[in-house]
Amino acid sequence: MFERLVKFIREVRNEMRRVSWPSRDEVRESTTVVIVIVLILAVFIGLVDRALSFLISLVFG
């Protein structure tokens, strides 16, 4: 049991050495893109919500 755990940890360490980690600039750019897209979607969903609320209030009024 202990040998399997040690083997697993060694394999994880070896795989982590092979990972291509992004640079600080790449992480910053990706984060900026995600934040901008989330803000755009939030505004869009908010506008659709207001429009649908307005239409429902006209119909059921």
PDB file of N, CA and C in Angstrom:
ATOM      1  N   MET A   1       0.826  -1.197   0.000  1.00  0.00           N
ATOM      2  CA  MET A   1       0.000   0.000   0.000  1.00  0.00           C
ATOM      3  C   MET A   1       0.864   1.252   0.000  1.00  0.00           C
ATOM      4  N   PHE A   2       1.860   1.287   0.883  1.00  0.00           N
ATOM      5  CA  PHE A   2       2.744   2.446   0.971  1.00  0.00           C
ATOM      6  C   PHE A   2       3.544   2.610  -0.318  1.00  0.00           C
ATOM      7  N   GLU A   3       3.957   1.509  -0.936  1.00  0.00           N
ATOM      8  CA  GLU A   3       4.737   1.572  -2.174  1.00  0.00           C
ATOM      9  C   GLU A   3       3.913   2.195  -3.301  1.00  0.00           C
ATOM     10  N   ARG A   4       2.626   1.864  -3.341  1.00  0.00           N
ATOM     11  CA  ARG A   4       1.755   2.425  -4.370  1.00  0.00           C
ATOM     12  C   ARG A   4       1.616   3.932  -4.202  1.00  0.00           C
ATOM     13  N   LEU A   5       1.528   4.393  -2.960  1.00  0.00           N
ATOM     14  CA  LEU A   5       1.431   5.816  -2.693  1.00  0.00           C
ATOM     15  C   LEU A   5       2.700   6.530  -3.124  1.00  0.00           C
ATOM     16  N   VAL A   6       3.863   5.964  -2.793  1.00  0.00           N
ATOM     17  CA  VAL A   6       5.140   6.555  -3.173  1.00  0.00           C
ATOM     18  C   VAL A   6       5.260   6.601  -4.694  1.00  0.00           C
ATOM     19  N   LYS A   7       4.860   5.528  -5.372  1.00  0.00           N
ATOM     20  CA  LYS A   7       4.905   5.483  -6.835  1.00  0.00           C
ATOM     21  C   LYS A   7       3.995   6.555  -7.432  1.00  0.00           C
ATOM     22  N   PHE A   8       2.805   6.693  -6.870  1.00  0.00           N
ATOM     23  CA  PHE A   8       1.875   7.710  -7.343  1.00  0.00           C
ATOM     24  C   PHE A   8       2.472   9.111  -7.205  1.00  0.00           C
ATOM     25  N   ILE A   9       3.061   9.404  -6.063  1.00  0.00           N
ATOM     26  CA  ILE A   9       3.655  10.723  -5.825  1.00  0.00           C
ATOM     27  C   ILE A   9       4.804  10.973  -6.792  1.00  0.00           C
ATOM     28  N   ARG A  10       5.624   9.974  -7.056  1.00  0.00           N
ATOM     29  CA  ARG A  10       6.715  10.128  -8.031  1.00  0.00           C
ATOM     30  C   ARG A  10       6.177  10.429  -9.419  1.00  0.00           C
ATOM     31  N   GLU A  11       5.136   9.708  -9.807  1.00  0.00           N
ATOM     32  CA  GLU A  11       4.557   9.930 -11.124  1.00  0.00           C
ATOM     33  C   GLU A  11       3.951  11.326 -11.249  1.00  0.00           C
ATOM     34  N   VAL A  12       3.312  11.779 -10.183  1.00  0.00           N
ATOM     35  CA  VAL A  12       2.742  13.128 -10.186  1.00  0.00           C
ATOM     36  C   VAL A  12       3.850  14.164 -10.324  1.00  0.00           C
ATOM     37  N   ARG A  13       4.938  13.997  -9.591  1.00  0.00           N
ATOM     38  CA  ARG A  13       6.067  14.936  -9.692  1.00  0.00           C
ATOM     39  C   ARG A  13       6.632  14.955 -11.098  1.00  0.00           C
ATOM     40  N   ASN A  14       6.782  13.779 -11.715  1.00  0.00           N
ATOM     41  CA  ASN A  14       7.306  13.721 -13.078  1.00  0.00           C
ATOM     42  C   ASN A  14       6.376  14.422 -14.063  1.00  0.00           C
ATOM     43  N   GLU A  15       5.086  14.224 -13.910  1.00  0.00           N
ATOM     44  CA  GLU A  15       4.133  14.885 -14.803  1.00  0.00           C
ATOM     45  C   GLU A  15       4.145  16.394 -14.596  1.00  0.00           C
ATOM     46  N   MET A  16       4.268  16.835 -13.361  1.00  0.00           N
ATOM     47  CA  MET A  16       4.281  18.279 -13.076  1.00  0.00           C
ATOM     48  C   MET A  16       5.509  18.947 -13.695  1.00  0.00           C
ATOM     49  N   ARG A  17       6.605  18.220 -13.826  1.00  0.00           N
ATOM     50  CA  ARG A  17       7.794  18.779 -14.469  1.00  0.00           C
ATOM     51  C   ARG A  17       7.571  18.992 -15.960  1.00  0.00           C
ATOM     52  N   ARG A  18       6.700  18.179 -16.561  1.00  0.00           N
ATOM     53  CA  ARG A  18       6.441  18.262 -18.004  1.00  0.00           C
ATOM     54  C   ARG A  18       5.397  19.299 -18.371  1.00  0.00           C
ATOM     55  N   VAL A  19       4.695  19.822 -17.403  1.00  0.00           N
ATOM     56  CA  VAL A  19       3.615  20.771 -17.676  1.00  0.00           C
ATOM     57  C   VAL A  19       4.200  22.054 -18.245  1.00  0.00           C
ATOM     58  N   SER A  20       3.532  22.562 -19.262  1.00  0.00           N
ATOM     59  CA  SER A  20       3.929  23.845 -19.833  1.00  0.00           C
ATOM     60  C   SER A  20       3.133  24.944 -19.125  1.00  0.00           C
ATOM     61  N   TRP A  21       3.748  25.584 -18.153  1.00  0.00           N
ATOM     62  CA  TRP A  21       3.064  26.589 -17.356  1.00  0.00           C
ATOM     63  C   TRP A  21       2.983  27.901 -18.117  1.00  0.00           C
ATOM     64  N   PRO A  22       1.856  28.611 -18.054  1.00  0.00           N
ATOM     65  CA  PRO A  22       1.746  29.901 -18.745  1.00  0.00           C
ATOM     66  C   PRO A  22       2.580  30.966 -18.040  1.00  0.00           C
ATOM     67  N   SER A  23       2.991  31.931 -18.839  1.00  0.00           N
ATOM     68  CA  SER A  23       3.755  33.040 -18.254  1.00  0.00           C
ATOM     69  C   SER A  23       2.801  33.977 -17.513  1.00  0.00           C
ATOM     70  N   ARG A  24       3.364  34.886 -16.760  1.00  0.00           N
ATOM     71  CA  ARG A  24       2.559  35.847 -16.011  1.00  0.00           C
ATOM     72  C   ARG A  24       1.716  36.699 -16.958  1.00  0.00           C
ATOM     73  N   ASP A  25       2.312  37.102 -18.087  1.00  0.00           N
ATOM     74  CA  ASP A  25       1.573  37.911 -19.058  1.00  0.00           C
ATOM     75  C   ASP A  25       0.411  37.138 -19.675  1.00  0.00           C
ATOM     76  N   GLU A  26       0.617  35.857 -19.971  1.00  0.00           N
ATOM     77  CA  GLU A  26      -0.462  35.039 -20.525  1.00  0.00           C
ATOM     78  C   GLU A  26      -1.610  34.895 -19.543  1.00  0.00           C
ATOM     79  N   VAL A  27      -1.283  34.708 -18.277  1.00  0.00           N
ATOM     80  CA  VAL A  27      -2.323  34.592 -17.252  1.00  0.00           C
ATOM     81  C   VAL A  27      -3.078  35.904 -17.122  1.00  0.00           C
ATOM     82  N   ARG A  28      -2.366  37.013 -17.142  1.00  0.00           N
ATOM     83  CA  ARG A  28      -3.001  38.335 -17.031  1.00  0.00           C
ATOM     84  C   ARG A  28      -3.941  38.574 -18.209  1.00  0.00           C
ATOM     85  N   GLU A  29      -3.485  38.263 -19.431  1.00  0.00           N
ATOM     86  CA  GLU A  29      -4.323  38.459 -20.612  1.00  0.00           C
ATOM     87  C   GLU A  29      -5.561  37.570 -20.571  1.00  0.00           C
ATOM     88  N   SER A  30      -5.388  36.321 -20.195  1.00  0.00           N
ATOM     89  CA  SER A  30      -6.529  35.401 -20.116  1.00  0.00           C
ATOM     90  C   SER A  30      -7.532  35.867 -19.064  1.00  0.00           C
ATOM     91  N   THR A  31      -7.037  36.328 -17.940  1.00  0.00           N
ATOM     92  CA  THR A  31      -7.912  36.817 -16.882  1.00  0.00           C
ATOM     93  C   THR A  31      -8.688  38.038 -17.348  1.00  0.00           C
ATOM     94  N   THR A  32      -8.023  38.934 -18.059  1.00  0.00           N
ATOM     95  CA  THR A  32      -8.686  40.130 -18.582  1.00  0.00           C
ATOM     96  C   THR A  32      -9.795  39.747 -19.556  1.00  0.00           C
ATOM     97  N   VAL A  33      -9.511  38.797 -20.435  1.00  0.00           N
ATOM     98  CA  VAL A  33     -10.523  38.349 -21.396  1.00  0.00           C
ATOM     99  C   VAL A  33     -11.723  37.765 -20.663  1.00  0.00           C
ATOM    100  N   VAL A  34     -11.485  36.944 -19.671  1.00  0.00           N
ATOM    101  CA  VAL A  34     -12.582  36.326 -18.920  1.00  0.00           C
ATOM    102  C   VAL A  34     -13.424  37.390 -18.222  1.00  0.00           C
ATOM    103  N   ILE A  35     -12.789  38.353 -17.582  1.00  0.00           N
ATOM    104  CA  ILE A  35     -13.526  39.397 -16.870  1.00  0.00           C
ATOM    105  C   ILE A  35     -14.363  40.218 -17.842  1.00  0.00           C
ATOM    106  N   VAL A  36     -13.800  40.587 -18.991  1.00  0.00           N
ATOM    107  CA  VAL A  36     -14.538  41.376 -19.978  1.00  0.00           C
ATOM    108  C   VAL A  36     -15.746  40.601 -20.497  1.00  0.00           C
ATOM    109  N   ILE A  37     -15.560  39.328 -20.820  1.00  0.00           N
ATOM    110  CA  ILE A  37     -16.670  38.519 -21.324  1.00  0.00           C
ATOM    111  C   ILE A  37     -17.760  38.372 -20.269  1.00  0.00           C
ATOM    112  N   VAL A  38     -17.371  38.162 -19.022  1.00  0.00           N
ATOM    113  CA  VAL A  38     -18.358  38.039 -17.939  1.00  0.00           C
ATOM    114  C   VAL A  38     -19.148  39.340 -17.789  1.00  0.00           C
ATOM    115  N   LEU A  39     -18.472  40.476 -17.867  1.00  0.00           N
ATOM    116  CA  LEU A  39     -19.178  41.759 -17.753  1.00  0.00           C
ATOM    117  C   LEU A  39     -20.140  41.966 -18.923  1.00  0.00           C
ATOM    118  N   ILE A  40     -19.700  41.629 -20.135  1.00  0.00           N
ATOM    119  CA  ILE A  40     -20.574  41.770 -21.302  1.00  0.00           C
ATOM    120  C   ILE A  40     -21.809  40.875 -21.156  1.00  0.00           C
ATOM    121  N   LEU A  41     -21.600  39.629 -20.752  1.00  0.00           N
ATOM    122  CA  LEU A  41     -22.729  38.723 -20.565  1.00  0.00           C
ATOM    123  C   LEU A  41     -23.652  39.194 -19.444  1.00  0.00           C
ATOM    124  N   ALA A  42     -23.106  39.755 -18.392  1.00  0.00           N
ATOM    125  CA  ALA A  42     -23.929  40.251 -17.289  1.00  0.00           C
ATOM    126  C   ALA A  42     -24.817  41.403 -17.762  1.00  0.00           C
ATOM    127  N   VAL A  43     -24.251  42.301 -18.540  1.00  0.00           N
ATOM    128  CA  VAL A  43     -25.036  43.416 -19.075  1.00  0.00           C
ATOM    129  C   VAL A  43     -26.120  42.886 -20.013  1.00  0.00           C
ATOM    130  N   PHE A  44     -25.765  41.953 -20.892  1.00  0.00           N
ATOM    131  CA  PHE A  44     -26.729  41.384 -21.826  1.00  0.00           C
ATOM    132  C   PHE A  44     -27.876  40.702 -21.089  1.00  0.00           C
ATOM    133  N   ILE A  45     -27.557  39.876 -20.109  1.00  0.00           N
ATOM    134  CA  ILE A  45     -28.602  39.173 -19.354  1.00  0.00           C
ATOM    135  C   ILE A  45     -29.463  40.173 -18.584  1.00  0.00           C
ATOM    136  N   GLY A  46     -28.837  41.214 -18.035  1.00  0.00           N
ATOM    137  CA  GLY A  46     -29.607  42.240 -17.333  1.00  0.00           C
ATOM    138  C   GLY A  46     -30.573  42.957 -18.264  1.00  0.00           C
ATOM    139  N   LEU A  47     -30.124  43.274 -19.485  1.00  0.00           N
ATOM    140  CA  LEU A  47     -31.005  43.947 -20.445  1.00  0.00           C
ATOM    141  C   LEU A  47     -32.150  43.035 -20.880  1.00  0.00           C
ATOM    142  N   VAL A  48     -31.852  41.775 -21.142  1.00  0.00           N
ATOM    143  CA  VAL A  48     -32.899  40.825 -21.515  1.00  0.00           C
ATOM    144  C   VAL A  48     -33.895  40.667 -20.363  1.00  0.00           C
ATOM    145  N   ASP A  49     -33.417  40.612 -19.153  1.00  0.00           N
ATOM    146  CA  ASP A  49     -34.299  40.483 -17.992  1.00  0.00           C
ATOM    147  C   ASP A  49     -35.229  41.685 -17.887  1.00  0.00           C
ATOM    148  N   ARG A  50     -34.679  42.883 -18.058  1.00  0.00           N
ATOM    149  CA  ARG A  50     -35.518  44.092 -17.985  1.00  0.00           C
ATOM    150  C   ARG A  50     -36.555  44.109 -19.108  1.00  0.00           C
ATOM    151  N   ALA A  51     -36.127  43.728 -20.305  1.00  0.00           N
ATOM    152  CA  ALA A  51     -37.054  43.715 -21.442  1.00  0.00           C
ATOM    153  C   ALA A  51     -38.178  42.711 -21.212  1.00  0.00           C
ATOM    154  N   LEU A  52     -37.832  41.517 -20.768  1.00  0.00           N
ATOM    155  CA  LEU A  52     -38.861  40.512 -20.512  1.00  0.00           C
ATOM    156  C   LEU A  52     -39.783  40.928 -19.364  1.00  0.00           C
ATOM    157  N   SER A  53     -39.231  41.542 -18.343  1.00  0.00           N
ATOM    158  CA  SER A  53     -40.056  42.025 -17.230  1.00  0.00           C
ATOM    159  C   SER A  53     -41.034  43.086 -17.719  1.00  0.00           C
ATOM    160  N   PHE A  54     -40.562  43.972 -18.576  1.00  0.00           N
ATOM    161  CA  PHE A  54     -41.421  45.018 -19.132  1.00  0.00           C
ATOM    162  C   PHE A  54     -42.540  44.396 -19.975  1.00  0.00           C
ATOM    163  N   LEU A  55     -42.192  43.435 -20.813  1.00  0.00           N
ATOM    164  CA  LEU A  55     -43.199  42.787 -21.657  1.00  0.00           C
ATOM    165  C   LEU A  55     -44.218  42.024 -20.822  1.00  0.00           C
ATOM    166  N   ILE A  56     -43.758  41.346 -19.792  1.00  0.00           N
ATOM    167  CA  ILE A  56     -44.697  40.618 -18.925  1.00  0.00           C
ATOM    168  C   ILE A  56     -45.614  41.579 -18.185  1.00  0.00           C
ATOM    169  N   SER A  57     -45.086  42.719 -17.757  1.00  0.00           N
ATOM    170  CA  SER A  57     -45.942  43.693 -17.060  1.00  0.00           C
ATOM    171  C   SER A  57     -46.956  44.292 -18.020  1.00  0.00           C
ATOM    172  N   LEU A  58     -46.632  44.421 -19.308  1.00  0.00           N
ATOM    173  CA  LEU A  58     -47.605  44.911 -20.287  1.00  0.00           C
ATOM    174  C   LEU A  58     -48.714  43.884 -20.503  1.00  0.00           C
ATOM    175  N   VAL A  59     -48.327  42.616 -20.573  1.00  0.00           N
ATOM    176  CA  VAL A  59     -49.318  41.573 -20.854  1.00  0.00           C
ATOM    177  C   VAL A  59     -50.214  41.322 -19.638  1.00  0.00           C
ATOM    178  N   PHE A  60     -49.624  41.203 -18.468  1.00  0.00           N
ATOM    179  CA  PHE A  60     -50.402  40.849 -17.286  1.00  0.00           C
ATOM    180  C   PHE A  60     -50.749  42.045 -16.410  1.00  0.00           C
ATOM    181  N   GLY A  61     -50.232  43.165 -16.747  1.00  0.00           N
ATOM    182  CA  GLY A  61     -50.393  44.339 -16.129  1.00  0.00           C
ATOM    183  C   GLY A  61     -50.897  45.029 -15.080  1.00  0.00           C
TER     184      GLY A  61
END
